[in-house]
């Protein structure tokens, strides 16, 4: 096998091919790490946006909460009329 690679690359032979593959592996490993960091960033960003949306909808719900059982029915009618 070494003889075959020595014919295709007489200066470096098999060692040159191994070095080239090692460099490619290092490059791809670095690229994979970068892509994984991007994925983590976008996941955190989407979770934060989803939490913001949930926070807005829960605050909207708090503003429209029905009155407690201790309150009289007149406040319920006022709330209903407000949305009509």
Protein backbone atom coordinates (compact mmCIF):
# COMPACT_ATOMS: atom_id res chain seq x y z
CA UNK A 1 0.00 0.00 0.00
CA UNK A 2 2.84 2.40 0.86
CA UNK A 3 4.34 1.75 -2.59
CA UNK A 4 1.05 2.67 -4.29
CA UNK A 5 0.80 5.97 -2.37
CA UNK A 6 4.50 6.64 -2.94
CA UNK A 7 3.80 6.44 -6.71
CA UNK A 8 0.94 8.96 -6.49
CA UNK A 9 2.89 11.29 -4.15
CA UNK A 10 6.62 10.52 -4.33
CA UNK A 11 7.64 13.13 -1.75
CA UNK A 12 5.22 12.41 1.11
CA UNK A 13 3.66 9.05 0.28
CA UNK A 14 1.30 7.56 2.84
CA UNK A 15 2.46 9.99 5.56
CA UNK A 16 1.38 12.94 3.39
CA UNK A 17 -2.06 11.45 2.87
CA UNK A 18 -2.41 10.74 6.61
CA UNK A 19 -1.41 14.32 7.38
CA UNK A 20 -3.92 15.68 4.85
CA UNK A 21 -6.68 13.53 6.32
CA UNK A 22 -5.73 14.61 9.82
CA UNK A 23 -5.98 18.28 8.82
CA UNK A 24 -9.35 17.65 7.19
CA UNK A 25 -10.55 15.89 10.35
CA UNK A 26 -9.41 18.85 12.48
CA UNK A 27 -11.19 21.28 10.15
CA UNK A 28 -14.40 19.27 10.20
CA UNK A 29 -14.24 18.91 13.99
CA UNK A 30 -13.89 22.68 14.36
CA UNK A 31 -16.75 23.24 11.94
CA UNK A 32 -18.95 20.77 13.84
CA UNK A 33 -18.19 22.56 17.13
CA UNK A 34 -19.12 25.89 15.54
CA UNK A 35 -22.39 24.50 14.15
CA UNK A 36 -23.26 22.97 17.54
CA UNK A 37 -22.71 26.38 19.18
CA UNK A 38 -25.02 27.96 16.61
CA UNK A 39 -27.68 25.32 17.29
CA UNK A 40 -27.43 25.96 21.04
CA UNK A 41 -27.71 29.70 20.48
CA UNK A 42 -30.81 29.34 18.31
CA UNK A 43 -32.41 26.88 20.73
CA UNK A 44 -31.88 29.29 23.61
CA UNK A 45 -33.16 32.16 21.50
CA UNK A 46 -36.29 30.27 20.47
CA UNK A 47 -36.95 29.23 24.09
CA UNK A 48 -36.56 32.84 25.21
CA UNK A 49 -38.96 34.02 22.50
CA UNK A 50 -41.40 31.28 23.43
CA UNK A 51 -41.15 32.28 27.11
CA UNK A 52 -41.76 35.92 26.15
CA UNK A 53 -44.83 34.89 24.19
CA UNK A 54 -46.07 32.81 27.10
CA UNK A 55 -45.38 35.70 29.47
CA UNK A 56 -47.41 38.08 27.30
CA UNK A 57 -50.32 35.68 27.03
CA UNK A 58 -50.31 34.97 30.77
CA UNK A 59 -50.24 38.70 31.57
CA UNK A 60 -53.13 39.20 29.17
CA UNK A 61 -54.97 36.40 30.96
CA UNK A 62 -54.28 38.02 34.35
CA UNK A 63 -55.84 41.24 33.10
CA UNK A 64 -58.98 39.36 32.05
CA UNK A 65 -59.29 37.03 35.04
CA UNK A 66 -62.76 36.37 36.28
CA UNK A 67 -63.65 37.80 39.67
CA UNK A 68 -63.46 35.63 42.76
CA UNK A 69 -66.53 34.03 44.28
CA UNK A 70 -66.51 36.62 47.05
CA UNK A 71 -67.27 39.46 44.62
CA UNK A 72 -70.81 40.26 43.60
CA UNK A 73 -72.16 39.59 40.13
CA UNK A 74 -72.10 43.24 39.08
CA UNK A 75 -68.36 43.17 38.46
CA UNK A 76 -68.83 40.17 36.15
CA UNK A 77 -71.34 42.12 34.07
CA UNK A 78 -68.97 45.09 33.90
CA UNK A 79 -66.17 42.83 32.64
CA UNK A 80 -68.45 41.26 30.01
CA UNK A 81 -69.69 44.64 28.79
CA UNK A 82 -66.11 45.84 28.49
CA UNK A 83 -65.32 43.19 25.85
CA UNK A 84 -68.47 43.61 23.78
